[in-house]
Amino acid sequence: MRQIINISLPEKLSKMVDNATKNGQYASKSEFFRCLLRDWSEKQLIKEIKQSQKEMKRTGGTLLRSLKDLR
């Protein structure tokens, strides 16, 4: 299910989005923002993984390379 979200942008940013869609980098303005959100989400996940790795090192946890390492 999709939900419509309206945003307000300064003219400069609005033109950047327009140019990105007009020159074919994105199929639509919606696709532009979906791509930004996917990138942001990926960065958040990477940040969480790195934080977990730091915590593992700090506490002396064991990093499992596969499910076989559980045995």
Protein backbone atom coordinates (compact mmCIF):
# COMPACT_ATOMS: atom_id res chain seq x y z
CA MET A 1 0.00 0.00 0.00
CA ARG A 2 1.35 3.41 -0.92
CA GLN A 3 0.88 6.63 0.95
CA ILE A 4 1.19 10.10 -0.52
CA ILE A 5 3.50 12.49 1.32
CA ASN A 6 3.75 16.12 0.29
CA ILE A 7 6.93 18.07 0.93
CA SER A 8 7.92 21.69 0.52
CA LEU A 9 11.32 22.49 -1.01
CA PRO A 10 13.22 25.70 -1.56
CA GLU A 11 13.32 26.68 -5.24
CA LYS A 12 16.97 25.68 -5.63
CA LEU A 13 16.33 22.13 -4.38
CA SER A 14 13.15 21.86 -6.43
CA LYS A 15 15.12 22.73 -9.57
CA MET A 16 17.72 20.10 -8.70
CA VAL A 17 14.99 17.45 -8.52
CA ASP A 18 13.45 18.69 -11.78
CA ASN A 19 16.82 18.57 -13.54
CA ALA A 20 17.55 15.06 -12.27
CA THR A 21 14.26 13.79 -13.67
CA LYS A 22 14.44 15.75 -16.92
CA ASN A 23 17.92 14.49 -17.80
CA GLY A 24 16.86 10.90 -17.20
CA GLN A 25 18.68 10.14 -13.96
CA TYR A 26 15.33 9.25 -12.37
CA ALA A 27 12.05 8.21 -13.96
CA SER A 28 10.04 10.56 -11.75
CA LYS A 29 10.27 12.85 -8.75
CA SER A 30 8.86 10.05 -6.63
CA GLU A 31 11.64 7.73 -7.78
CA PHE A 32 14.19 10.42 -6.91
CA PHE A 33 12.95 10.54 -3.33
CA ARG A 34 12.55 6.75 -3.06
CA CYS A 35 16.20 6.43 -4.06
CA LEU A 36 17.23 8.99 -1.43
CA LEU A 37 15.27 7.13 1.23
CA ARG A 38 16.77 3.76 0.22
CA ASP A 39 20.27 5.26 0.42
CA TRP A 40 19.51 6.80 3.81
CA SER A 41 18.08 3.53 5.09
CA GLU A 42 21.17 1.64 3.90
CA LYS A 43 23.47 4.12 5.63
CA GLN A 44 21.50 3.71 8.86
CA LEU A 45 21.86 -0.06 8.66
CA ILE A 46 25.60 0.22 8.02
CA LYS A 47 25.91 2.55 11.01
CA GLU A 48 24.08 0.04 13.21
CA ILE A 49 26.29 -2.82 12.00
CA LYS A 50 29.45 -0.83 12.70
CA GLN A 51 28.15 0.06 16.15
CA SER A 52 27.45 -3.62 16.83
CA GLN A 53 30.94 -4.55 15.68
CA LYS A 54 32.46 -1.97 18.05
CA GLU A 55 30.35 -3.32 20.89
CA MET A 56 31.45 -6.89 20.09
CA LYS A 57 35.11 -5.86 20.15
CA ARG A 58 34.66 -3.89 23.36
CA THR A 59 32.96 -6.74 25.20
CA GLY A 60 35.07 -9.53 23.73
CA GLY A 61 32.17 -11.12 21.89
CA THR A 62 32.75 -13.71 19.19
CA LEU A 63 32.00 -12.76 15.61
CA LEU A 64 30.32 -15.67 13.84
CA ARG A 65 31.21 -16.10 10.19
CA SER A 66 28.44 -18.64 9.54
CA LEU A 67 25.82 -20.72 11.30
CA LYS A 68 28.40 -23.51 11.59
CA ASP A 69 30.27 -21.33 14.10
CA LEU A 70 27.35 -21.79 16.54
CA ARG A 71 28.37 -25.42 17.14
